[in-house]
């Protein structure tokens, strides 16, 4: 890789290396400029672990005041993946000393029956957060049920009202995966303002809220989806790339712009994400590993927002 600058001779050689450290530095040897650049691994696992310690202390303080943060999880049907996800969320609650209530309903549940259960939890003052596990059986109107959640208990950030408030910069619980990504970027001091951000995927709980959160951080945002034309060319212009399309390694590593920040929100049985991360260290300036990047931040954000909901009841 060669650069011409006003400071160095036109024939200067610039070699770029990347190491897993936090600060770049350069050594200049006469006609050769060697730049050793850092690459940031956006380690969601370690950040989530540190966050759990803080959450645990705050939960204990609330307990002393007679407030016991509680998350109610609703699982409709027996989808194995959903059962695993709900179990992980309840285990995380237990680790931080938070209570959880498991509501399990059969495959035959109707929309009206689910709405009745949601209304019951909405009115339960001992419940601070409600999670309706996605997906629900096909006979249920999932959107109607999501929007029946009390916005003050919508700790998974799935209601239309919550999305609208978040988009307008008003107080709201963000959808957990994109909110977790924003927390990760903030923690590693990734400056978003003015950058070209490309979000690949437009789901209502990931792609769309991710785009709005980046826009609120003053990025210039493009959303790509299944009908986007010339998607490769658009991705190649991304300073920040978020893979949220749900297809293993859909985004090829040769599409990634030099020094881009790469966020992979996917995880598949093949133990990979939506982005081909092979040799990513030679391309990106920062990236989320798979696993250990975005995934831990999703659950941690759910627990954190349940804590925040409980704190609000104190005031």
C-alpha atoms as a PDB file:
ATOM      1  CA  UNK A   1       0.000   0.000   0.000  1.00  0.00           C
ATOM      2  CA  UNK A   2       1.478   3.382  -1.032  1.00  0.00           C
ATOM      3  CA  UNK A   3       0.528   6.930  -0.090  1.00  0.00           C
ATOM      4  CA  UNK A   4       1.831  10.275  -1.326  1.00  0.00           C
ATOM      5  CA  UNK A   5       1.852  13.115   1.207  1.00  0.00           C
ATOM      6  CA  UNK A   6       3.326  16.592   1.481  1.00  0.00           C
ATOM      7  CA  UNK A   7       5.507  15.433   4.352  1.00  0.00           C
ATOM      8  CA  UNK A   8       7.272  12.507   2.761  1.00  0.00           C
ATOM      9  CA  UNK A   9       9.037  11.959  -0.583  1.00  0.00           C
ATOM     10  CA  UNK A  10       6.988  10.727  -3.487  1.00  0.00           C
ATOM     11  CA  UNK A  11       8.815   7.413  -3.591  1.00  0.00           C
ATOM     12  CA  UNK A  12       8.457   6.690   0.112  1.00  0.00           C
ATOM     13  CA  UNK A  13       7.259   3.193   0.901  1.00  0.00           C
ATOM     14  CA  UNK A  14       4.492   2.874   3.448  1.00  0.00           C
ATOM     15  CA  UNK A  15       3.921  -0.547   4.901  1.00  0.00           C
ATOM     16  CA  UNK A  16       0.909  -1.231   7.036  1.00  0.00           C
ATOM     17  CA  UNK A  17       0.836  -3.858   9.745  1.00  0.00           C
ATOM     18  CA  UNK A  18      -1.874  -4.510  12.293  1.00  0.00           C
ATOM     19  CA  UNK A  19      -1.508  -5.722  15.848  1.00  0.00           C
ATOM     20  CA  UNK A  20      -4.047  -6.270  18.596  1.00  0.00           C
ATOM     21  CA  UNK A  21      -3.154  -3.250  20.706  1.00  0.00           C
ATOM     22  CA  UNK A  22      -5.033  -0.092  21.474  1.00  0.00           C
ATOM     23  CA  UNK A  23      -2.628   2.597  20.276  1.00  0.00           C
ATOM     24  CA  UNK A  24      -1.056   2.946  16.804  1.00  0.00           C
ATOM     25  CA  UNK A  25       2.477   4.220  16.441  1.00  0.00           C
ATOM     26  CA  UNK A  26       4.902   4.855  13.602  1.00  0.00           C
ATOM     27  CA  UNK A  27       8.651   4.524  13.137  1.00  0.00           C
ATOM     28  CA  UNK A  28      10.343   6.500  10.346  1.00  0.00           C
ATOM     29  CA  UNK A  29      13.553   5.188   8.749  1.00  0.00           C
ATOM     30  CA  UNK A  30      14.828   7.656   6.143  1.00  0.00           C
ATOM     31  CA  UNK A  31      13.040   6.801   2.870  1.00  0.00           C
ATOM     32  CA  UNK A  32      10.877   4.120   4.409  1.00  0.00           C
ATOM     33  CA  UNK A  33       7.869   4.799   6.608  1.00  0.00           C
ATOM     34  CA  UNK A  34       6.668   1.829   8.593  1.00  0.00           C
ATOM     35  CA  UNK A  35       3.240   2.328  10.142  1.00  0.00           C
ATOM     36  CA  UNK A  36       2.145  -0.179  12.731  1.00  0.00           C
ATOM     37  CA  UNK A  37      -1.597   0.258  13.151  1.00  0.00           C
ATOM     38  CA  UNK A  38      -3.806  -1.179  15.821  1.00  0.00           C
ATOM     39  CA  UNK A  39      -6.974  -3.141  15.271  1.00  0.00           C
ATOM     40  CA  UNK A  40      -9.600  -3.071  17.983  1.00  0.00           C
ATOM     41  CA  UNK A  41     -11.355  -6.301  18.824  1.00  0.00           C
ATOM     42  CA  UNK A  42     -14.775  -5.223  20.072  1.00  0.00           C
ATOM     43  CA  UNK A  43     -15.011  -7.803  22.825  1.00  0.00           C
ATOM     44  CA  UNK A  44     -18.651  -8.010  23.862  1.00  0.00           C
ATOM     45  CA  UNK A  45     -18.025 -10.939  26.180  1.00  0.00           C
ATOM     46  CA  UNK A  46     -15.626  -9.034  28.427  1.00  0.00           C
ATOM     47  CA  UNK A  47     -17.755  -5.878  28.403  1.00  0.00           C
ATOM     48  CA  UNK A  48     -20.886  -7.854  29.291  1.00  0.00           C
ATOM     49  CA  UNK A  49     -19.021  -9.555  32.136  1.00  0.00           C
ATOM     50  CA  UNK A  50     -17.871  -6.216  33.555  1.00  0.00           C
ATOM     51  CA  UNK A  51     -21.392  -4.849  33.180  1.00  0.00           C
ATOM     52  CA  UNK A  52     -22.829  -7.796  35.113  1.00  0.00           C
ATOM     53  CA  UNK A  53     -20.647  -6.896  38.093  1.00  0.00           C
ATOM     54  CA  UNK A  54     -22.032  -3.358  38.084  1.00  0.00           C
ATOM     55  CA  UNK A  55     -25.603  -4.593  37.619  1.00  0.00           C
ATOM     56  CA  UNK A  56     -25.229  -7.025  40.530  1.00  0.00           C
ATOM     57  CA  UNK A  57     -24.223  -4.214  42.883  1.00  0.00           C
ATOM     58  CA  UNK A  58     -27.124  -2.032  41.772  1.00  0.00           C
ATOM     59  CA  UNK A  59     -29.585  -4.907  42.158  1.00  0.00           C
ATOM     60  CA  UNK A  60     -28.340  -5.472  45.714  1.00  0.00           C
ATOM     61  CA  UNK A  61     -28.791  -1.766  46.504  1.00  0.00           C
ATOM     62  CA  UNK A  62     -32.355  -1.859  45.189  1.00  0.00           C
ATOM     63  CA  UNK A  63     -33.058  -4.977  47.241  1.00  0.00           C
ATOM     64  CA  UNK A  64     -32.043  -3.033  50.344  1.00  0.00           C
ATOM     65  CA  UNK A  65     -34.722  -0.484  49.420  1.00  0.00           C
ATOM     66  CA  UNK A  66     -37.343  -3.193  49.045  1.00  0.00           C
ATOM     67  CA  UNK A  67     -37.267  -3.246  45.237  1.00  0.00           C
ATOM     68  CA  UNK A  68     -36.554  -6.584  43.563  1.00  0.00           C
ATOM     69  CA  UNK A  69     -35.920  -6.147  39.812  1.00  0.00           C
ATOM     70  CA  UNK A  70     -37.925  -8.811  38.001  1.00  0.00           C
ATOM     71  CA  UNK A  71     -38.030  -9.905  34.357  1.00  0.00           C
ATOM     72  CA  UNK A  72     -40.997 -11.902  33.078  1.00  0.00           C
ATOM     73  CA  UNK A  73     -40.239 -14.066  30.032  1.00  0.00           C
ATOM     74  CA  UNK A  74     -43.077 -15.347  27.838  1.00  0.00           C
ATOM     75  CA  UNK A  75     -42.366 -18.408  25.714  1.00  0.00           C
ATOM     76  CA  UNK A  76     -45.164 -19.594  23.430  1.00  0.00           C
ATOM     77  CA  UNK A  77     -44.652 -23.062  21.980  1.00  0.00           C
ATOM     78  CA  UNK A  78     -41.650 -25.366  22.148  1.00  0.00           C
ATOM     79  CA  UNK A  79     -39.189 -24.000  19.627  1.00  0.00           C
ATOM     80  CA  UNK A  80     -35.804 -25.431  20.766  1.00  0.00           C
ATOM     81  CA  UNK A  81     -33.814 -22.306  19.871  1.00  0.00           C
ATOM     82  CA  UNK A  82     -36.296 -20.074  21.702  1.00  0.00           C
ATOM     83  CA  UNK A  83     -36.183 -22.340  24.739  1.00  0.00           C
ATOM     84  CA  UNK A  84     -32.389 -22.038  24.776  1.00  0.00           C
ATOM     85  CA  UNK A  85     -32.451 -18.244  24.435  1.00  0.00           C
ATOM     86  CA  UNK A  86     -34.990 -17.848  27.247  1.00  0.00           C
ATOM     87  CA  UNK A  87     -32.966 -20.150  29.482  1.00  0.00           C
ATOM     88  CA  UNK A  88     -29.827 -18.074  28.843  1.00  0.00           C
ATOM     89  CA  UNK A  89     -31.697 -14.890  29.772  1.00  0.00           C
ATOM     90  CA  UNK A  90     -33.073 -16.393  32.979  1.00  0.00           C
ATOM     91  CA  UNK A  91     -29.613 -17.712  33.906  1.00  0.00           C
ATOM     92  CA  UNK A  92     -28.189 -14.219  33.441  1.00  0.00           C
ATOM     93  CA  UNK A  93     -30.894 -12.841  35.739  1.00  0.00           C
ATOM     94  CA  UNK A  94     -29.851 -15.363  38.384  1.00  0.00           C
ATOM     95  CA  UNK A  95     -26.173 -14.428  38.076  1.00  0.00           C
ATOM     96  CA  UNK A  96     -26.860 -10.767  38.843  1.00  0.00           C
ATOM     97  CA  UNK A  97     -29.351 -11.496  41.635  1.00  0.00           C
ATOM     98  CA  UNK A  98     -32.381 -10.465  39.583  1.00  0.00           C
ATOM     99  CA  UNK A  99     -35.668 -12.321  39.770  1.00  0.00           C
ATOM    100  CA  UNK A 100     -37.285 -13.887  36.726  1.00  0.00           C
ATOM    101  CA  UNK A 101     -40.718 -15.284  36.073  1.00  0.00           C
ATOM    102  CA  UNK A 102     -41.084 -17.959  33.401  1.00  0.00           C
ATOM    103  CA  UNK A 103     -44.401 -17.887  31.564  1.00  0.00           C
ATOM    104  CA  UNK A 104     -44.772 -20.858  29.221  1.00  0.00           C
ATOM    105  CA  UNK A 105     -47.793 -21.174  26.935  1.00  0.00           C
ATOM    106  CA  UNK A 106     -48.723 -23.974  24.505  1.00  0.00           C
ATOM    107  CA  UNK A 107     -48.452 -23.980  20.704  1.00  0.00           C
ATOM    108  CA  UNK A 108     -52.229 -23.654  20.509  1.00  0.00           C
ATOM    109  CA  UNK A 109     -52.282 -20.288  22.290  1.00  0.00           C
ATOM    110  CA  UNK A 110     -54.453 -17.677  20.579  1.00  0.00           C
ATOM    111  CA  UNK A 111     -53.744 -13.996  20.150  1.00  0.00           C
ATOM    112  CA  UNK A 112     -56.464 -13.191  22.702  1.00  0.00           C
ATOM    113  CA  UNK A 113     -54.986 -15.557  25.280  1.00  0.00           C
ATOM    114  CA  UNK A 114     -51.523 -14.086  24.857  1.00  0.00           C
ATOM    115  CA  UNK A 115     -52.881 -10.538  25.082  1.00  0.00           C
ATOM    116  CA  UNK A 116     -54.619 -11.476  28.323  1.00  0.00           C
ATOM    117  CA  UNK A 117     -51.376 -12.771  29.819  1.00  0.00           C
ATOM    118  CA  UNK A 118     -49.492  -9.634  28.698  1.00  0.00           C
ATOM    119  CA  UNK A 119     -52.169  -7.447  30.282  1.00  0.00           C
ATOM    120  CA  UNK A 120     -51.829  -9.409  33.524  1.00  0.00           C
ATOM    121  CA  UNK A 121     -48.066  -8.803  33.589  1.00  0.00           C
ATOM    122  CA  UNK A 122     -48.507  -5.152  32.636  1.00  0.00           C
ATOM    123  CA  UNK A 123     -50.635  -4.705  35.760  1.00  0.00           C
ATOM    124  CA  UNK A 124     -48.302  -6.648  38.060  1.00  0.00           C
ATOM    125  CA  UNK A 125     -46.315  -4.025  39.989  1.00  0.00           C
ATOM    126  CA  UNK A 126     -43.740  -6.664  40.944  1.00  0.00           C
ATOM    127  CA  UNK A 127     -42.769  -7.139  37.284  1.00  0.00           C
ATOM    128  CA  UNK A 128     -40.406  -4.505  35.853  1.00  0.00           C
ATOM    129  CA  UNK A 129     -39.654  -5.937  32.431  1.00  0.00           C
ATOM    130  CA  UNK A 130     -41.485  -8.214  30.004  1.00  0.00           C
ATOM    131  CA  UNK A 131     -39.867 -10.245  27.236  1.00  0.00           C
ATOM    132  CA  UNK A 132     -42.063 -11.889  24.610  1.00  0.00           C
ATOM    133  CA  UNK A 133     -39.747 -14.365  22.903  1.00  0.00           C
ATOM    134  CA  UNK A 134     -39.725 -14.148  19.115  1.00  0.00           C
ATOM    135  CA  UNK A 135     -41.027 -15.943  17.086  1.00  0.00           C
ATOM    136  CA  UNK A 136     -44.492 -16.938  18.267  1.00  0.00           C
ATOM    137  CA  UNK A 137     -46.676 -19.547  16.513  1.00  0.00           C
ATOM    138  CA  UNK A 138     -48.072 -18.419  13.178  1.00  0.00           C
ATOM    139  CA  UNK A 139     -51.706 -18.121  14.332  1.00  0.00           C
ATOM    140  CA  UNK A 140     -50.746 -15.318  16.734  1.00  0.00           C
ATOM    141  CA  UNK A 141     -50.600 -11.665  15.682  1.00  0.00           C
ATOM    142  CA  UNK A 142     -47.086 -11.038  16.963  1.00  0.00           C
ATOM    143  CA  UNK A 143     -47.029  -7.308  16.217  1.00  0.00           C
ATOM    144  CA  UNK A 144     -50.305  -6.747  18.055  1.00  0.00           C
ATOM    145  CA  UNK A 145     -48.930  -8.603  21.066  1.00  0.00           C
ATOM    146  CA  UNK A 146     -45.617  -6.734  21.023  1.00  0.00           C
ATOM    147  CA  UNK A 147     -47.448  -3.423  20.981  1.00  0.00           C
ATOM    148  CA  UNK A 148     -49.631  -4.498  23.899  1.00  0.00           C
ATOM    149  CA  UNK A 149     -46.576  -4.381  26.167  1.00  0.00           C
ATOM    150  CA  UNK A 150     -46.496  -1.501  28.631  1.00  0.00           C
ATOM    151  CA  UNK A 151     -43.821   0.800  27.196  1.00  0.00           C
ATOM    152  CA  UNK A 152     -42.343   1.172  30.691  1.00  0.00           C
ATOM    153  CA  UNK A 153     -41.797  -2.593  30.750  1.00  0.00           C
ATOM    154  CA  UNK A 154     -40.735  -2.981  27.097  1.00  0.00           C
ATOM    155  CA  UNK A 155     -37.157  -3.789  28.084  1.00  0.00           C
ATOM    156  CA  UNK A 156     -36.565  -5.718  24.842  1.00  0.00           C
ATOM    157  CA  UNK A 157     -37.386  -2.600  22.804  1.00  0.00           C
ATOM    158  CA  UNK A 158     -39.979  -4.207  20.503  1.00  0.00           C
ATOM    159  CA  UNK A 159     -42.970  -1.840  20.577  1.00  0.00           C
ATOM    160  CA  UNK A 160     -43.733   0.591  17.755  1.00  0.00           C
ATOM    161  CA  UNK A 161     -44.085   3.396  20.302  1.00  0.00           C
ATOM    162  CA  UNK A 162     -40.669   2.615  21.764  1.00  0.00           C
ATOM    163  CA  UNK A 163     -39.123   2.549  18.279  1.00  0.00           C
ATOM    164  CA  UNK A 164     -40.729   5.894  17.439  1.00  0.00           C
ATOM    165  CA  UNK A 165     -39.543   7.511  20.655  1.00  0.00           C
ATOM    166  CA  UNK A 166     -36.017   6.170  20.171  1.00  0.00           C
ATOM    167  CA  UNK A 167     -35.946   7.400  16.582  1.00  0.00           C
ATOM    168  CA  UNK A 168     -36.994  10.887  17.678  1.00  0.00           C
ATOM    169  CA  UNK A 169     -34.381  10.981  20.422  1.00  0.00           C
ATOM    170  CA  UNK A 170     -36.940  10.613  23.222  1.00  0.00           C
ATOM    171  CA  UNK A 171     -36.458   8.303  26.229  1.00  0.00           C
ATOM    172  CA  UNK A 172     -37.103   4.679  25.312  1.00  0.00           C
ATOM    173  CA  UNK A 173     -35.667   1.232  25.796  1.00  0.00           C
ATOM    174  CA  UNK A 174     -33.766   0.376  22.642  1.00  0.00           C
ATOM    175  CA  UNK A 175     -34.087  -2.925  20.833  1.00  0.00           C
ATOM    176  CA  UNK A 176     -31.492  -5.011  22.657  1.00  0.00           C
ATOM    177  CA  UNK A 177     -29.149  -6.139  19.874  1.00  0.00           C
ATOM    178  CA  UNK A 178     -28.651  -2.720  18.223  1.00  0.00           C
ATOM    179  CA  UNK A 179     -28.564  -1.015  21.623  1.00  0.00           C
ATOM    180  CA  UNK A 180     -25.898  -3.492  22.684  1.00  0.00           C
ATOM    181  CA  UNK A 181     -23.918  -2.652  19.548  1.00  0.00           C
ATOM    182  CA  UNK A 182     -24.096   1.064  20.333  1.00  0.00           C
ATOM    183  CA  UNK A 183     -22.885   0.379  23.882  1.00  0.00           C
ATOM    184  CA  UNK A 184     -19.980  -1.612  22.433  1.00  0.00           C
ATOM    185  CA  UNK A 185     -19.028   1.199  20.034  1.00  0.00           C
ATOM    186  CA  UNK A 186     -19.244   3.755  22.850  1.00  0.00           C
ATOM    187  CA  UNK A 187     -17.114   1.633  25.169  1.00  0.00           C
ATOM    188  CA  UNK A 188     -14.337   1.323  22.608  1.00  0.00           C
ATOM    189  CA  UNK A 189     -14.628   5.023  21.741  1.00  0.00           C
ATOM    190  CA  UNK A 190     -15.483   4.462  18.083  1.00  0.00           C
ATOM    191  CA  UNK A 191     -16.357   7.874  16.665  1.00  0.00           C
ATOM    192  CA  UNK A 192     -19.476   7.468  14.516  1.00  0.00           C
ATOM    193  CA  UNK A 193     -20.227  11.088  13.649  1.00  0.00           C
ATOM    194  CA  UNK A 194     -19.904  11.868   9.939  1.00  0.00           C
ATOM    195  CA  UNK A 195     -19.104   8.318   8.870  1.00  0.00           C
ATOM    196  CA  UNK A 196     -20.863   6.328   6.150  1.00  0.00           C
ATOM    197  CA  UNK A 197     -22.696   3.485   7.871  1.00  0.00           C
ATOM    198  CA  UNK A 198     -24.226   0.567   5.983  1.00  0.00           C
ATOM    199  CA  UNK A 199     -26.695  -1.757   7.708  1.00  0.00           C
ATOM    200  CA  UNK A 200     -27.360  -4.973   5.795  1.00  0.00           C
ATOM    201  CA  UNK A 201     -30.786  -6.129   6.933  1.00  0.00           C
ATOM    202  CA  UNK A 202     -34.059  -4.369   7.744  1.00  0.00           C
ATOM    203  CA  UNK A 203     -35.778  -6.438  10.426  1.00  0.00           C
ATOM    204  CA  UNK A 204     -37.954  -4.490  12.890  1.00  0.00           C
ATOM    205  CA  UNK A 205     -35.901  -5.572  15.904  1.00  0.00           C
ATOM    206  CA  UNK A 206     -32.408  -5.259  14.422  1.00  0.00           C
ATOM    207  CA  UNK A 207     -31.816  -3.610  11.049  1.00  0.00           C
ATOM    208  CA  UNK A 208     -34.309  -0.754  11.303  1.00  0.00           C
ATOM    209  CA  UNK A 209     -33.540   0.298  14.898  1.00  0.00           C
ATOM    210  CA  UNK A 210     -29.809  -0.107  14.213  1.00  0.00           C
ATOM    211  CA  UNK A 211     -30.073   2.357  11.342  1.00  0.00           C
ATOM    212  CA  UNK A 212     -31.930   4.904  13.464  1.00  0.00           C
ATOM    213  CA  UNK A 213     -29.469   4.588  16.357  1.00  0.00           C
ATOM    214  CA  UNK A 214     -26.555   5.213  14.000  1.00  0.00           C
ATOM    215  CA  UNK A 215     -28.414   8.155  12.491  1.00  0.00           C
ATOM    216  CA  UNK A 216     -28.933   9.573  15.983  1.00  0.00           C
ATOM    217  CA  UNK A 217     -25.144   9.313  16.377  1.00  0.00           C
ATOM    218  CA  UNK A 218     -24.793  11.511  13.254  1.00  0.00           C
ATOM    219  CA  UNK A 219     -23.714   8.790  10.828  1.00  0.00           C
ATOM    220  CA  UNK A 220     -24.879   8.888   7.210  1.00  0.00           C
ATOM    221  CA  UNK A 221     -26.872   5.669   6.997  1.00  0.00           C
ATOM    222  CA  UNK A 222     -27.754   3.320   4.148  1.00  0.00           C
ATOM    223  CA  UNK A 223     -29.941   0.249   4.658  1.00  0.00           C
ATOM    224  CA  UNK A 224     -29.443  -2.693   2.293  1.00  0.00           C
ATOM    225  CA  UNK A 225     -31.849  -5.604   1.921  1.00  0.00           C
ATOM    226  CA  UNK A 226     -32.847  -8.454  -0.377  1.00  0.00           C
ATOM    227  CA  UNK A 227     -33.893  -6.109  -3.200  1.00  0.00           C
ATOM    228  CA  UNK A 228     -30.954  -3.719  -3.011  1.00  0.00           C
ATOM    229  CA  UNK A 229     -29.186  -3.344  -6.338  1.00  0.00           C
ATOM    230  CA  UNK A 230     -25.362  -3.261  -6.525  1.00  0.00           C
ATOM    231  CA  UNK A 231     -25.131  -4.209  -2.860  1.00  0.00           C
ATOM    232  CA  UNK A 232     -21.436  -5.029  -3.154  1.00  0.00           C
ATOM    233  CA  UNK A 233     -20.616  -1.497  -4.329  1.00  0.00           C
ATOM    234  CA  UNK A 234     -22.624   0.043  -1.486  1.00  0.00           C
ATOM    235  CA  UNK A 235     -20.917  -2.114   1.135  1.00  0.00           C
ATOM    236  CA  UNK A 236     -17.489  -1.191  -0.241  1.00  0.00           C
ATOM    237  CA  UNK A 237     -18.176   2.443   0.714  1.00  0.00           C
ATOM    238  CA  UNK A 238     -19.035   1.654   4.344  1.00  0.00           C
ATOM    239  CA  UNK A 239     -16.906   3.161   7.102  1.00  0.00           C
ATOM    240  CA  UNK A 240     -19.121   1.248   9.538  1.00  0.00           C
ATOM    241  CA  UNK A 241     -20.600  -2.038   8.356  1.00  0.00           C
ATOM    242  CA  UNK A 242     -23.309  -3.906  10.273  1.00  0.00           C
ATOM    243  CA  UNK A 243     -24.201  -7.400   9.098  1.00  0.00           C
ATOM    244  CA  UNK A 244     -27.767  -8.200  10.174  1.00  0.00           C
ATOM    245  CA  UNK A 245     -29.112 -10.164   7.228  1.00  0.00           C
ATOM    246  CA  UNK A 246     -29.390 -13.645   8.762  1.00  0.00           C
ATOM    247  CA  UNK A 247     -27.421 -15.495   6.067  1.00  0.00           C
ATOM    248  CA  UNK A 248     -24.081 -17.170   6.925  1.00  0.00           C
ATOM    249  CA  UNK A 249     -21.101 -15.257   5.488  1.00  0.00           C
ATOM    250  CA  UNK A 250     -23.358 -13.357   3.085  1.00  0.00           C
ATOM    251  CA  UNK A 251     -21.013 -10.359   3.148  1.00  0.00           C
ATOM    252  CA  UNK A 252     -17.675 -11.287   1.554  1.00  0.00           C
ATOM    253  CA  UNK A 253     -14.436 -10.046   3.057  1.00  0.00           C
ATOM    254  CA  UNK A 254     -13.352  -8.579  -0.294  1.00  0.00           C
ATOM    255  CA  UNK A 255     -16.361  -6.232  -0.117  1.00  0.00           C
ATOM    256  CA  UNK A 256     -15.107  -4.619   3.098  1.00  0.00           C
ATOM    257  CA  UNK A 257     -13.526  -1.188   2.894  1.00  0.00           C
ATOM    258  CA  UNK A 258     -10.005  -0.711   4.217  1.00  0.00           C
ATOM    259  CA  UNK A 259     -10.068   0.403   7.877  1.00  0.00           C
ATOM    260  CA  UNK A 260     -13.816  -0.097   8.213  1.00  0.00           C
ATOM    261  CA  UNK A 261     -15.461  -0.845  11.554  1.00  0.00           C
ATOM    262  CA  UNK A 262     -17.101  -4.245  11.085  1.00  0.00           C
ATOM    263  CA  UNK A 263     -20.037  -5.334  13.246  1.00  0.00           C
ATOM    264  CA  UNK A 264     -21.353  -8.863  12.752  1.00  0.00           C
ATOM    265  CA  UNK A 265     -24.755  -9.306  14.423  1.00  0.00           C
ATOM    266  CA  UNK A 266     -25.320 -12.798  13.049  1.00  0.00           C
ATOM    267  CA  UNK A 267     -24.682 -16.216  14.512  1.00  0.00           C
ATOM    268  CA  UNK A 268     -25.349 -19.519  12.767  1.00  0.00           C
ATOM    269  CA  UNK A 269     -24.930 -23.239  13.518  1.00  0.00           C
ATOM    270  CA  UNK A 270     -21.799 -23.155  11.368  1.00  0.00           C
ATOM    271  CA  UNK A 271     -20.308 -21.005  14.176  1.00  0.00           C
ATOM    272  CA  UNK A 272     -19.998 -18.006  11.907  1.00  0.00           C
ATOM    273  CA  UNK A 273     -21.873 -14.763  11.425  1.00  0.00           C
ATOM    274  CA  UNK A 274     -23.301 -12.846   8.477  1.00  0.00           C
ATOM    275  CA  UNK A 275     -19.865 -11.537   7.455  1.00  0.00           C
ATOM    276  CA  UNK A 276     -16.892 -13.519   6.199  1.00  0.00           C
ATOM    277  CA  UNK A 277     -14.363 -12.584   8.884  1.00  0.00           C
ATOM    278  CA  UNK A 278     -11.488 -14.569   7.385  1.00  0.00           C
ATOM    279  CA  UNK A 279      -8.347 -12.431   7.493  1.00  0.00           C
ATOM    280  CA  UNK A 280     -10.397  -9.523   8.888  1.00  0.00           C
ATOM    281  CA  UNK A 281      -7.363  -8.286  10.849  1.00  0.00           C
ATOM    282  CA  UNK A 282      -5.714  -7.218   7.592  1.00  0.00           C
ATOM    283  CA  UNK A 283      -8.713  -5.149   6.512  1.00  0.00           C
ATOM    284  CA  UNK A 284     -10.710  -3.630   9.359  1.00  0.00           C
ATOM    285  CA  UNK A 285      -9.768  -1.065  11.991  1.00  0.00           C
ATOM    286  CA  UNK A 286     -12.169  -2.717  14.463  1.00  0.00           C
ATOM    287  CA  UNK A 287     -14.455  -5.733  14.424  1.00  0.00           C
ATOM    288  CA  UNK A 288     -16.711  -7.899  16.565  1.00  0.00           C
ATOM    289  CA  UNK A 289     -15.619 -11.547  16.817  1.00  0.00           C
ATOM    290  CA  UNK A 290     -18.126 -14.356  16.306  1.00  0.00           C
ATOM    291  CA  UNK A 291     -18.885 -15.635  18.860  1.00  0.00           C
ATOM    292  CA  UNK A 292     -18.100 -13.252  21.712  1.00  0.00           C
ATOM    293  CA  UNK A 293     -18.933  -9.936  20.076  1.00  0.00           C
ATOM    294  CA  UNK A 294     -22.530  -8.844  19.668  1.00  0.00           C
ATOM    295  CA  UNK A 295     -24.279 -11.859  21.230  1.00  0.00           C
ATOM    296  CA  UNK A 296     -23.283 -11.302  24.882  1.00  0.00           C
ATOM    297  CA  UNK A 297     -24.220  -7.631  24.591  1.00  0.00           C
ATOM    298  CA  UNK A 298     -27.779  -8.485  23.522  1.00  0.00           C
ATOM    299  CA  UNK A 299     -28.624 -10.387  26.705  1.00  0.00           C
ATOM    300  CA  UNK A 300     -26.661  -7.962  28.863  1.00  0.00           C
ATOM    301  CA  UNK A 301     -28.629  -5.038  27.449  1.00  0.00           C
ATOM    302  CA  UNK A 302     -31.906  -6.804  28.236  1.00  0.00           C
ATOM    303  CA  UNK A 303     -30.834  -7.243  31.857  1.00  0.00           C
ATOM    304  CA  UNK A 304     -29.503  -3.695  32.102  1.00  0.00           C
ATOM    305  CA  UNK A 305     -32.743  -2.244  30.769  1.00  0.00           C
ATOM    306  CA  UNK A 306     -34.744  -4.349  33.235  1.00  0.00           C
ATOM    307  CA  UNK A 307     -32.618  -2.831  35.993  1.00  0.00           C
ATOM    308  CA  UNK A 308     -33.260   0.653  34.614  1.00  0.00           C
ATOM    309  CA  UNK A 309     -36.995  -0.038  34.544  1.00  0.00           C
ATOM    310  CA  UNK A 310     -36.864  -1.082  38.207  1.00  0.00           C
ATOM    311  CA  UNK A 311     -34.901   2.047  39.132  1.00  0.00           C
ATOM    312  CA  UNK A 312     -37.592   4.205  37.521  1.00  0.00           C
ATOM    313  CA  UNK A 313     -40.210   2.753  39.862  1.00  0.00           C
ATOM    314  CA  UNK A 314     -38.155   3.992  42.806  1.00  0.00           C
ATOM    315  CA  UNK A 315     -38.696   7.594  41.763  1.00  0.00           C
END
